[in-house]
N, C-alpha and C. Protein backbone atom coordinates (compact mmCIF):
# COMPACT_ATOMS: atom_id res chain seq x y z
N MET A 1 2.49 -7.94 -20.84
CA MET A 1 2.54 -6.81 -19.92
C MET A 1 3.90 -7.17 -19.06
N ASP A 2 4.55 -6.10 -18.89
CA ASP A 2 5.71 -6.17 -17.96
C ASP A 2 5.36 -6.56 -16.51
N LYS A 3 6.52 -7.05 -15.77
CA LYS A 3 6.16 -7.39 -14.26
C LYS A 3 5.52 -6.03 -13.48
N PRO A 4 4.73 -6.30 -12.69
CA PRO A 4 4.39 -4.98 -11.85
C PRO A 4 5.38 -4.51 -10.83
N LEU A 5 5.22 -3.35 -10.76
CA LEU A 5 6.15 -2.54 -9.71
C LEU A 5 5.50 -2.85 -8.25
N ASN A 6 6.34 -3.74 -7.41
CA ASN A 6 5.83 -4.03 -6.08
C ASN A 6 6.25 -2.87 -5.14
N TRP A 7 5.23 -2.54 -4.30
CA TRP A 7 5.38 -1.49 -3.38
C TRP A 7 5.36 -2.05 -2.18
N GLY A 8 6.21 -1.45 -1.07
CA GLY A 8 6.02 -1.83 0.40
C GLY A 8 6.24 -0.51 1.19
N LEU A 9 5.09 0.03 1.92
CA LEU A 9 5.05 1.20 2.56
C LEU A 9 5.60 0.84 3.99
N LEU A 10 6.71 1.75 4.49
CA LEU A 10 7.24 1.65 5.76
C LEU A 10 6.74 2.84 6.58
N SER A 11 5.51 2.92 6.62
CA SER A 11 4.89 3.83 7.42
C SER A 11 3.44 3.68 7.46
N THR A 12 2.68 4.03 8.59
CA THR A 12 1.29 4.14 8.50
C THR A 12 0.73 5.55 8.65
N ALA A 13 1.60 6.45 8.22
CA ALA A 13 1.28 8.10 8.25
C ALA A 13 0.14 8.29 7.33
N LYS A 14 -0.52 9.43 7.55
CA LYS A 14 -1.79 9.76 6.62
C LYS A 14 -1.41 9.81 5.10
N ILE A 15 -0.09 10.07 4.61
CA ILE A 15 0.29 10.08 3.35
C ILE A 15 -0.12 8.82 2.70
N ASN A 16 -0.15 7.52 3.45
CA ASN A 16 -0.42 6.28 2.77
C ASN A 16 -1.95 6.31 2.45
N GLN A 17 -2.90 7.03 2.96
CA GLN A 17 -4.26 7.18 2.54
C GLN A 17 -4.32 7.65 1.24
N ALA A 18 -3.40 8.58 0.82
CA ALA A 18 -3.30 8.99 -0.52
C ALA A 18 -2.71 8.13 -1.56
N LEU A 19 -1.81 7.22 -1.05
CA LEU A 19 -1.08 6.32 -1.99
C LEU A 19 -1.79 4.95 -2.26
N ILE A 20 -2.39 4.38 -1.24
CA ILE A 20 -2.89 3.11 -1.25
C ILE A 20 -3.87 2.97 -2.38
N LYS A 21 -4.82 3.77 -2.49
CA LYS A 21 -5.98 3.48 -3.59
C LYS A 21 -5.36 3.57 -5.00
N PRO A 22 -4.44 4.56 -5.16
CA PRO A 22 -3.88 4.64 -6.69
C PRO A 22 -2.94 3.46 -6.84
N ILE A 23 -2.26 3.04 -5.78
CA ILE A 23 -1.35 1.91 -6.12
C ILE A 23 -2.30 0.63 -6.48
N ASN A 24 -3.22 0.44 -5.67
CA ASN A 24 -4.13 -0.80 -6.01
C ASN A 24 -5.01 -0.59 -7.23
N ALA A 25 -5.11 0.73 -7.61
CA ALA A 25 -5.99 0.89 -8.81
C ALA A 25 -5.22 0.54 -10.02
N SER A 26 -3.98 0.75 -9.88
CA SER A 26 -3.04 0.77 -11.30
C SER A 26 -2.75 -0.80 -11.69
N LYS A 27 -2.84 -1.08 -12.90
CA LYS A 27 -2.59 -2.39 -13.38
C LYS A 27 -1.00 -2.78 -13.46
N ARG A 28 -0.15 -1.68 -13.22
CA ARG A 28 1.30 -1.72 -13.26
C ARG A 28 2.08 -1.74 -11.87
N THR A 29 1.21 -1.59 -10.84
CA THR A 29 1.85 -1.71 -9.32
C THR A 29 1.01 -2.69 -8.62
N ARG A 30 1.64 -3.05 -7.47
CA ARG A 30 0.99 -3.94 -6.58
C ARG A 30 1.56 -3.67 -5.07
N LEU A 31 0.71 -3.44 -4.08
CA LEU A 31 0.93 -3.25 -2.75
C LEU A 31 1.07 -4.47 -2.07
N LEU A 32 2.29 -4.77 -1.63
CA LEU A 32 2.60 -5.96 -1.06
C LEU A 32 2.47 -5.95 0.37
N ALA A 33 2.96 -4.77 1.17
CA ALA A 33 3.03 -4.65 2.33
C ALA A 33 3.05 -3.40 3.12
N VAL A 34 2.57 -3.09 4.26
CA VAL A 34 2.64 -1.94 4.95
C VAL A 34 3.28 -2.24 6.44
N ALA A 35 4.18 -1.52 6.70
CA ALA A 35 4.78 -1.95 8.24
C ALA A 35 4.89 -0.69 8.89
N SER A 36 5.00 -0.81 10.25
CA SER A 36 5.08 0.15 11.13
C SER A 36 5.87 -0.22 12.45
N ARG A 37 6.45 0.76 13.30
CA ARG A 37 7.03 0.31 14.39
C ARG A 37 6.03 0.16 15.59
N SER A 38 4.70 0.69 15.33
CA SER A 38 3.68 0.76 16.49
C SER A 38 2.61 -0.18 15.90
N ASN A 39 1.66 -0.29 16.72
CA ASN A 39 0.40 -1.03 16.27
C ASN A 39 -0.79 0.04 16.23
N PRO A 40 -0.96 0.61 15.13
CA PRO A 40 -2.21 1.68 15.01
C PRO A 40 -3.34 0.75 14.37
N PRO A 41 -4.47 1.12 14.51
CA PRO A 41 -5.67 0.51 13.95
C PRO A 41 -5.39 0.28 12.48
N LEU A 42 -5.75 -0.81 11.91
CA LEU A 42 -5.53 -1.20 10.50
C LEU A 42 -6.53 -0.26 9.66
N MET A 43 -6.03 0.39 8.77
CA MET A 43 -6.90 1.45 7.88
C MET A 43 -7.27 0.87 6.71
N HIS A 44 -6.61 -0.15 6.03
CA HIS A 44 -6.93 -0.66 4.83
C HIS A 44 -6.23 -1.99 4.67
N THR A 45 -6.98 -3.04 4.10
CA THR A 45 -6.28 -4.33 3.78
C THR A 45 -6.25 -4.28 2.28
N PRO A 46 -5.08 -4.59 1.84
CA PRO A 46 -4.73 -4.72 0.34
C PRO A 46 -5.71 -5.80 -0.21
N GLY A 47 -6.36 -5.43 -1.35
CA GLY A 47 -7.17 -6.48 -2.11
C GLY A 47 -8.62 -6.29 -1.77
N GLU A 48 -9.04 -5.47 -0.83
CA GLU A 48 -10.40 -5.25 -0.37
C GLU A 48 -11.00 -4.06 -1.39
């Protein structure tokens, strides 16, 4: 298998709720980080 495509999301907007599960479900992608300028409540921890 080729190397996975690594993702880093530079937002905690609602669009991430639609992206995180498919990224984690794929064998070809890996979510490495989610970053934001503010400190909103944590919605999801990768690997859970």
